[in-house]
Protein backbone atom coordinates (compact mmCIF):
# COMPACT_ATOMS: atom_id res chain seq x y z
CA MET A 1 -48.03 -61.34 130.64
CA LEU A 2 -45.53 -58.51 130.09
CA ARG A 3 -46.63 -58.08 126.49
CA GLU A 4 -50.34 -57.84 127.23
CA ASP A 5 -49.98 -55.67 130.34
CA LEU A 6 -47.47 -53.26 128.81
CA GLU A 7 -49.41 -52.91 125.57
CA ALA A 8 -52.63 -52.20 127.46
CA HIS A 9 -50.86 -49.57 129.56
CA LEU A 10 -49.42 -47.80 126.51
CA ILE A 11 -52.77 -47.72 124.76
CA GLU A 12 -54.48 -46.40 127.89
CA LYS A 13 -51.88 -43.60 128.23
CA GLU A 14 -52.17 -42.73 124.51
CA PHE A 15 -48.43 -43.18 124.12
CA SER A 16 -46.95 -42.00 120.83
CA GLY A 17 -43.69 -43.70 119.94
CA VAL A 18 -41.95 -47.06 119.88
CA VAL A 19 -40.77 -49.53 122.52
CA SER A 20 -38.26 -52.36 122.29
CA ILE A 21 -37.14 -54.82 124.98
CA SER A 22 -34.63 -57.62 124.45
CA VAL A 23 -32.99 -60.11 126.80
CA ASP A 24 -29.75 -61.80 125.74
CA HIS A 25 -30.28 -60.42 122.21
CA GLU A 26 -33.74 -62.00 121.93
CA SER A 27 -36.67 -59.62 121.46
CA ILE A 28 -39.43 -60.00 124.06
CA PHE A 29 -41.39 -56.89 123.13
CA GLU A 30 -41.39 -54.48 120.19
CA LYS A 31 -44.31 -52.32 119.17
CA ALA A 32 -45.23 -48.90 117.80
CA PHE A 33 -48.03 -46.64 119.00
CA GLY A 34 -49.58 -43.33 118.02
CA LEU A 35 -49.00 -41.00 115.11
CA ALA A 36 -45.82 -39.92 113.36
CA ASP A 37 -47.76 -37.19 111.54
CA ARG A 38 -50.97 -35.92 113.12
CA GLN A 39 -52.02 -33.81 110.15
CA TRP A 40 -51.95 -36.72 107.72
CA GLN A 41 -52.76 -39.40 110.31
CA ILE A 42 -49.62 -41.41 109.53
CA ARG A 43 -48.99 -44.00 112.22
CA ASN A 44 -45.67 -44.78 113.87
CA THR A 45 -44.11 -48.13 112.99
CA SER A 46 -41.19 -50.08 114.42
CA ASN A 47 -39.04 -48.59 111.62
CA THR A 48 -40.04 -44.95 112.18
CA ARG A 49 -37.17 -42.56 112.85
CA PHE A 50 -37.32 -40.35 115.94
CA GLY A 51 -35.24 -37.50 117.24
CA ILE A 52 -33.21 -38.49 120.30
CA ALA A 53 -32.20 -35.01 121.55
CA SER A 54 -29.33 -35.36 124.05
CA GLY A 55 -28.91 -39.04 123.25
CA THR A 56 -26.67 -37.58 120.55
CA LYS A 57 -24.10 -36.65 123.21
CA LEU A 58 -22.84 -40.23 123.28
CA LEU A 59 -22.01 -40.02 119.57
CA THR A 60 -20.20 -36.72 120.10
CA ALA A 61 -18.21 -38.32 122.92
CA LEU A 62 -17.38 -41.29 120.70
CA GLY A 63 -16.23 -38.89 117.97
CA ILE A 64 -13.80 -37.33 120.45
CA LEU A 65 -12.62 -40.76 121.66
CA ILE A 66 -11.97 -41.84 118.07
CA LEU A 67 -9.62 -38.85 117.75
CA VAL A 68 -8.04 -39.77 121.10
CA GLU A 69 -7.41 -43.27 119.83
CA ARG A 70 -5.77 -41.80 116.72
CA LYS A 71 -3.58 -39.70 119.04
CA LEU A 72 -4.91 -36.46 117.61
CA LEU A 73 -6.27 -35.54 121.04
CA SER A 74 -5.71 -36.57 124.64
CA LEU A 75 -8.37 -36.63 127.32
CA ASP A 76 -6.44 -34.44 129.72
CA GLN A 77 -5.20 -31.77 127.34
CA ASN A 78 -6.40 -28.20 127.76
CA VAL A 79 -8.99 -27.10 125.22
CA LEU A 80 -8.39 -23.34 124.98
CA PRO A 81 -5.42 -23.61 122.57
CA ILE A 82 -7.66 -25.52 120.15
CA LEU A 83 -10.61 -23.18 120.57
CA LEU A 84 -8.52 -20.07 120.00
CA GLU A 85 -7.92 -21.33 116.47
CA ILE A 86 -11.68 -21.09 115.80
CA PRO A 87 -12.52 -17.51 114.68
CA GLU A 88 -16.08 -17.52 116.05
CA PHE A 89 -14.85 -18.51 119.52
CA LYS A 90 -12.23 -15.78 119.59
CA GLU A 91 -14.64 -13.17 118.24
CA ARG A 92 -16.97 -13.88 121.15
CA GLY A 93 -14.09 -13.36 123.60
CA LEU A 94 -14.90 -16.53 125.52
CA GLU A 95 -11.23 -17.15 126.32
CA LYS A 96 -11.39 -14.18 128.69
CA ILE A 97 -13.88 -15.92 130.98
CA TYR A 98 -13.13 -19.63 130.52
CA SER A 99 -10.58 -21.24 132.81
CA PRO A 100 -7.38 -22.30 131.02
CA GLU A 101 -7.57 -25.52 133.07
CA ILE A 102 -10.58 -26.94 131.18
CA THR A 103 -9.73 -30.27 129.57
CA ILE A 104 -11.41 -32.58 127.08
CA ARG A 105 -12.28 -34.91 129.95
CA HIS A 106 -13.96 -32.10 131.90
CA LEU A 107 -16.23 -31.36 128.95
CA LEU A 108 -17.08 -35.04 128.42
CA MET A 109 -18.11 -35.51 132.06
CA HIS A 110 -20.04 -32.22 132.46
CA ALA A 111 -17.46 -30.89 134.89
CA SER A 112 -16.02 -27.93 132.95
CA GLY A 113 -17.78 -25.25 134.98
CA ILE A 114 -18.56 -23.07 131.95
CA PRO A 115 -21.88 -21.20 131.86
CA ASP A 116 -24.34 -23.01 129.59
CA TYR A 117 -26.14 -21.40 126.67
CA PHE A 118 -29.22 -23.49 127.54
CA GLU A 119 -29.66 -24.05 131.26
CA GLU A 120 -32.19 -26.88 131.36
CA ASP A 121 -32.64 -26.67 135.13
CA VAL A 122 -33.72 -23.01 135.01
CA SER A 123 -35.72 -22.97 131.76
CA ASP A 124 -39.48 -22.92 132.37
CA GLU A 125 -40.17 -25.85 130.06
CA PHE A 126 -38.93 -27.39 126.84
CA GLY A 127 -40.13 -25.47 123.81
CA THR A 128 -40.14 -22.03 125.41
CA PHE A 129 -36.41 -21.27 125.31
CA GLN A 130 -35.34 -19.08 122.41
CA PRO A 131 -31.70 -18.02 121.88
CA GLU A 132 -30.69 -14.54 120.80
CA VAL A 133 -30.01 -15.89 117.30
CA PRO A 134 -32.89 -17.67 115.50
CA TRP A 135 -32.73 -21.45 115.63
CA ASN A 136 -32.62 -21.71 111.83
CA LEU A 137 -29.25 -19.91 111.75
CA LEU A 138 -27.55 -22.41 114.08
CA ARG A 139 -26.25 -25.01 111.67
CA LYS A 140 -22.64 -25.82 112.58
CA PRO A 141 -20.93 -25.94 116.00
CA ALA A 142 -19.15 -22.60 115.64
CA ASP A 143 -22.48 -20.85 114.97
CA TYR A 144 -23.45 -21.48 118.60
CA PHE A 145 -20.59 -19.43 120.05
CA GLN A 146 -22.52 -16.24 119.30
CA VAL A 147 -25.21 -17.32 121.81
CA PHE A 148 -22.81 -18.55 124.51
CA PRO A 149 -23.26 -16.36 127.61
CA ILE A 150 -20.60 -13.91 128.74
CA GLU A 151 -20.80 -14.89 132.39
CA PRO A 152 -18.34 -16.04 135.07
CA MET A 153 -17.36 -19.68 135.42
CA LYS A 154 -19.78 -21.63 137.63
CA PHE A 155 -16.98 -23.52 139.42
CA GLU A 156 -13.40 -24.62 138.98
CA PRO A 157 -13.03 -27.35 136.32
CA GLY A 158 -13.29 -30.86 137.68
CA THR A 159 -14.75 -29.91 141.07
CA ALA A 160 -18.46 -30.55 140.41
CA PHE A 161 -21.02 -32.01 138.00
CA ALA A 162 -23.35 -29.64 136.15
CA TYR A 163 -25.14 -30.91 133.05
CA ASN A 164 -23.99 -28.71 130.21
CA ASN A 165 -25.18 -28.59 126.60
CA GLY A 166 -22.60 -25.98 125.60
CA GLY A 167 -19.78 -28.29 126.59
CA PHE A 168 -20.83 -30.77 123.93
CA VAL A 169 -21.18 -28.01 121.35
CA ILE A 170 -17.55 -27.19 122.14
CA LEU A 171 -16.61 -30.85 121.73
CA ALA A 172 -18.27 -30.88 118.30
CA ALA A 173 -16.30 -27.76 117.34
CA ILE A 174 -13.12 -29.49 118.50
CA ILE A 175 -13.94 -32.51 116.32
CA GLU A 176 -14.20 -30.17 113.33
CA ALA A 177 -11.00 -28.31 114.17
CA VAL A 178 -8.89 -31.43 114.74
CA SER A 179 -10.29 -33.69 112.01
CA ASN A 180 -10.65 -30.99 109.31
CA CYS A 181 -14.07 -32.48 108.68
CA GLY A 182 -17.56 -31.15 109.40
CA TYR A 183 -19.09 -32.51 112.60
CA HIS A 184 -22.12 -34.07 110.86
CA GLU A 185 -19.96 -35.69 108.20
CA PHE A 186 -17.50 -37.02 110.78
CA ILE A 187 -20.20 -38.67 112.90
CA GLU A 188 -21.94 -40.07 109.83
CA THR A 189 -18.70 -41.48 108.38
CA GLU A 190 -16.96 -42.70 111.53
CA ILE A 191 -19.95 -44.00 113.50
CA LEU A 192 -23.22 -44.27 111.57
CA GLN A 193 -21.74 -45.86 108.46
CA LYS A 194 -19.37 -48.15 110.36
CA CYS A 195 -22.24 -49.37 112.54
CA HIS A 196 -24.50 -49.78 109.48
CA MET A 197 -26.98 -47.32 111.01
CA ASP A 198 -28.41 -46.68 107.56
CA LYS A 199 -31.63 -45.03 108.69
CA SER A 200 -29.97 -42.51 111.02
CA GLY A 201 -28.76 -38.99 110.36
CA PHE A 202 -28.86 -35.28 111.09
CA PHE A 203 -31.97 -34.17 109.23
CA GLU A 204 -33.22 -30.59 108.89
CA LEU A 205 -36.54 -30.11 110.66
CA ASP A 206 -38.14 -28.53 107.61
CA ARG A 207 -36.83 -31.28 105.31
CA LEU A 208 -37.49 -34.50 107.24
CA PRO A 209 -37.23 -37.63 105.10
CA GLU A 210 -40.06 -40.12 104.81
CA ASN A 211 -40.78 -42.42 107.72
CA THR A 212 -39.62 -39.82 110.26
CA ALA A 213 -41.83 -38.81 113.17
CA ILE A 214 -42.62 -35.13 113.61
CA GLY A 215 -42.05 -33.97 117.18
CA TYR A 216 -45.15 -32.59 118.88
CA ILE A 217 -45.80 -30.17 121.74
CA LYS A 218 -49.19 -29.77 123.40
CA ASP A 219 -50.54 -26.42 124.55
CA GLN A 220 -53.98 -24.97 125.31
CA ARG A 221 -54.84 -25.03 121.58
CA GLY A 222 -53.79 -28.63 121.06
CA TRP A 223 -50.82 -30.28 119.36
CA HIS A 224 -48.29 -28.41 117.21
CA SER A 225 -44.91 -29.36 115.75
CA ASN A 226 -41.57 -28.51 117.33
CA ILE A 227 -40.11 -26.91 114.20
CA TYR A 228 -39.78 -23.47 115.85
CA SER A 229 -38.49 -24.79 119.17
CA LEU A 230 -35.22 -26.48 118.17
CA PRO A 231 -32.16 -25.82 116.01
CA ILE A 232 -32.90 -26.42 112.35
CA ILE A 233 -30.40 -29.30 112.37
CA GLY A 234 -28.86 -31.23 115.24
CA GLY A 235 -25.42 -30.62 116.68
CA GLY A 236 -22.98 -31.85 119.28
CA ASP A 237 -25.45 -31.62 122.14
CA GLY A 238 -28.49 -33.17 120.44
CA GLY A 239 -30.66 -33.63 117.39
CA LEU A 240 -29.79 -36.93 115.73
CA PHE A 241 -32.67 -38.92 114.21
CA THR A 242 -32.59 -42.71 114.46
CA CYS A 243 -34.80 -45.79 114.85
CA LEU A 244 -35.06 -48.84 117.08
CA GLU A 245 -33.00 -51.04 114.78
CA ASP A 246 -30.18 -48.51 114.56
CA VAL A 247 -30.11 -47.89 118.32
CA ALA A 248 -29.63 -51.64 118.79
CA LYS A 249 -26.83 -51.58 116.22
CA LEU A 250 -25.14 -48.71 118.07
CA TRP A 251 -25.09 -50.69 121.32
CA GLU A 252 -23.94 -53.86 119.54
CA HIS A 253 -20.99 -52.25 117.78
CA LEU A 254 -20.07 -50.09 120.76
CA LEU A 255 -19.91 -53.03 123.17
CA LYS A 256 -17.99 -55.17 120.68
CA GLY A 257 -15.27 -52.54 120.41
CA ASP A 258 -16.01 -51.69 116.77
CA ILE A 259 -16.21 -47.92 117.35
CA ILE A 260 -13.47 -47.46 119.94
CA SER A 261 -11.19 -50.06 121.52
CA ILE A 262 -12.45 -52.13 124.46
CA GLU A 263 -9.80 -50.49 126.64
CA LEU A 264 -11.01 -47.00 125.81
CA LEU A 265 -14.63 -48.18 126.08
CA LYS A 266 -14.04 -49.27 129.68
CA GLY A 267 -13.08 -45.69 130.54
CA CYS A 268 -16.10 -44.36 128.67
CA LEU A 269 -18.50 -46.59 130.62
CA SER A 270 -16.79 -46.23 134.01
CA THR A 271 -17.79 -43.64 136.58
CA GLN A 272 -15.96 -40.37 136.06
CA ILE A 273 -18.06 -38.26 138.42
CA LYS A 274 -21.07 -38.50 140.71
CA ALA A 275 -24.13 -36.81 139.17
CA LEU A 276 -25.70 -36.00 142.53
CA SER A 277 -27.97 -33.34 141.02
CA GLU A 278 -29.81 -36.21 139.28
CA GLY A 279 -30.12 -38.45 142.34
CA GLU A 280 -28.09 -40.34 144.92
CA TYR A 281 -27.10 -43.25 142.68
CA HIS A 282 -26.63 -41.44 139.39
CA GLU A 283 -23.16 -41.14 137.90
CA TYR A 284 -21.64 -40.08 134.61
CA GLY A 285 -18.97 -41.59 132.40
CA LEU A 286 -17.73 -40.02 129.19
CA GLY A 287 -20.88 -39.03 127.33
CA ILE A 288 -23.02 -41.66 129.01
CA TRP A 289 -25.18 -41.96 132.13
CA ILE A 290 -24.74 -44.62 134.81
CA LEU A 291 -27.22 -45.80 137.45
CA ASN A 292 -25.33 -47.59 140.20
CA HIS A 293 -27.67 -48.67 142.99
CA PRO A 294 -26.10 -51.15 145.47
CA GLU A 295 -29.25 -53.31 145.53
CA PHE A 296 -29.89 -53.50 141.77
CA PRO A 297 -27.90 -54.33 138.63
CA ARG A 298 -25.68 -51.53 137.30
CA GLU A 299 -27.09 -49.76 134.25
CA VAL A 300 -25.60 -47.55 131.55
CA TYR A 301 -27.95 -45.48 129.48
CA ILE A 302 -28.41 -42.64 127.01
CA LEU A 303 -31.15 -40.12 127.49
CA GLY A 304 -32.71 -37.28 125.54
CA CYS A 305 -35.50 -34.82 126.15
CA ASP A 306 -36.49 -31.70 124.26
CA ALA A 307 -39.53 -30.04 122.78
CA GLY A 308 -41.42 -32.87 121.09
CA VAL A 309 -38.76 -35.46 121.93
CA SER A 310 -38.28 -37.98 124.75
CA PHE A 311 -35.89 -40.93 124.54
CA LYS A 312 -34.13 -43.43 126.76
CA SER A 313 -32.09 -46.51 125.95
CA VAL A 314 -30.73 -48.69 128.77
CA TRP A 315 -28.16 -51.49 128.75
CA ILE A 316 -27.84 -53.77 131.79
CA GLU A 317 -24.75 -55.91 131.28
CA SER A 318 -25.30 -58.40 134.11
CA GLU A 319 -28.83 -59.22 132.94
CA LYS A 320 -28.17 -58.81 129.20
CA ILE A 321 -31.21 -56.52 129.05
CA LEU A 322 -31.55 -53.75 126.48
CA PHE A 323 -34.66 -51.60 126.36
CA THR A 324 -35.35 -48.49 124.32
CA VAL A 325 -38.25 -46.05 124.38
CA MET A 326 -38.58 -43.34 121.74
CA SER A 327 -41.42 -40.82 121.66
CA ASN A 328 -42.33 -37.85 119.48
CA THR A 329 -43.78 -35.97 122.46
CA THR A 330 -41.91 -34.06 125.14
CA SER A 331 -42.60 -36.37 128.07
CA GLY A 332 -44.21 -39.45 126.52
CA ALA A 333 -41.31 -41.79 127.20
CA TRP A 334 -40.99 -41.35 130.96
CA GLN A 335 -44.09 -43.16 132.21
CA VAL A 336 -43.35 -45.97 129.76
CA VAL A 337 -39.83 -46.35 131.14
CA LYS A 338 -41.25 -46.60 134.66
CA GLU A 339 -43.71 -49.28 133.54
CA ILE A 340 -40.96 -51.31 131.85
CA ARG A 341 -38.83 -51.10 134.98
CA ARG A 342 -41.75 -52.32 137.07
CA HIS A 343 -42.31 -55.31 134.81
CA LEU A 344 -38.60 -56.22 134.76
CA ASN A 345 -38.18 -55.76 138.54
CA LEU A 346 -35.52 -53.12 138.12
CA ASN A 347 -34.57 -50.27 140.42
CA PRO A 348 -37.63 -48.02 140.49
């Protein structure tokens, strides 16, 4: 019944993307809908790659935790001494406004208090925000420092939760500074390759490989691509491309302790701070969201939304449920997620 009802709903809503649901590692639903390329009428398939926007933050967090495990970083060390070794950070003068008390942990849990270069809660809508520097010139983490705002701290580090893209850009810059390796290369080598996520990567928007969905935005003139609405290549706060198979591999290897140790993983998946701005039962770990409702099973999930991108992947340990929704439209995934939750009798 789930298969027929869910498929009918997705067709009715003209969903563009892919959906996968598994219980105890057995697939109970997997299907693709809509078009990967509207110009050439190329359909999405179960193997199509999609952008996951802020879903990338988990990989950035894991990159940091890998360095913690190698004792090259510690979660509670202050970050300014590292950042002052990065010329672009010092040239911007950010050390004059950032608290010296900011730690790695604060950045990972969105509790640093720094002003964000992209305030999602005040931007009119995805696709309209344009930084002072053209998106195509933002290629490596340090490039972003030139668009970081010169504004006062929002609050003292560790005292509140405020979702912050810039914090994860800083974490990516720290990965580069400490590892002496480019951020993209580090994530590809230490996570994607080790998890055999062979179809995933940081692809340039104007050079997407085959079998990759173009992200689409709809306006009064119809659909257009997101190529002018996002950085030319992803970074620490978002922009990885992946597919259903590789998302499943990421969860598998993460939960087995293949990326970071089980001990460190427990800290990553445990509540670090209440994310009350997102709702009463929402919490945040280290680079990962947590939904902890007293009347429903606890969930951990990764989430991404941007111009032409919507993505959510949820793991429910007690029920052994994993479901993933990936869409190449800005809000296509959200109604699908609600429908899946209804069918699985999860917290609405």
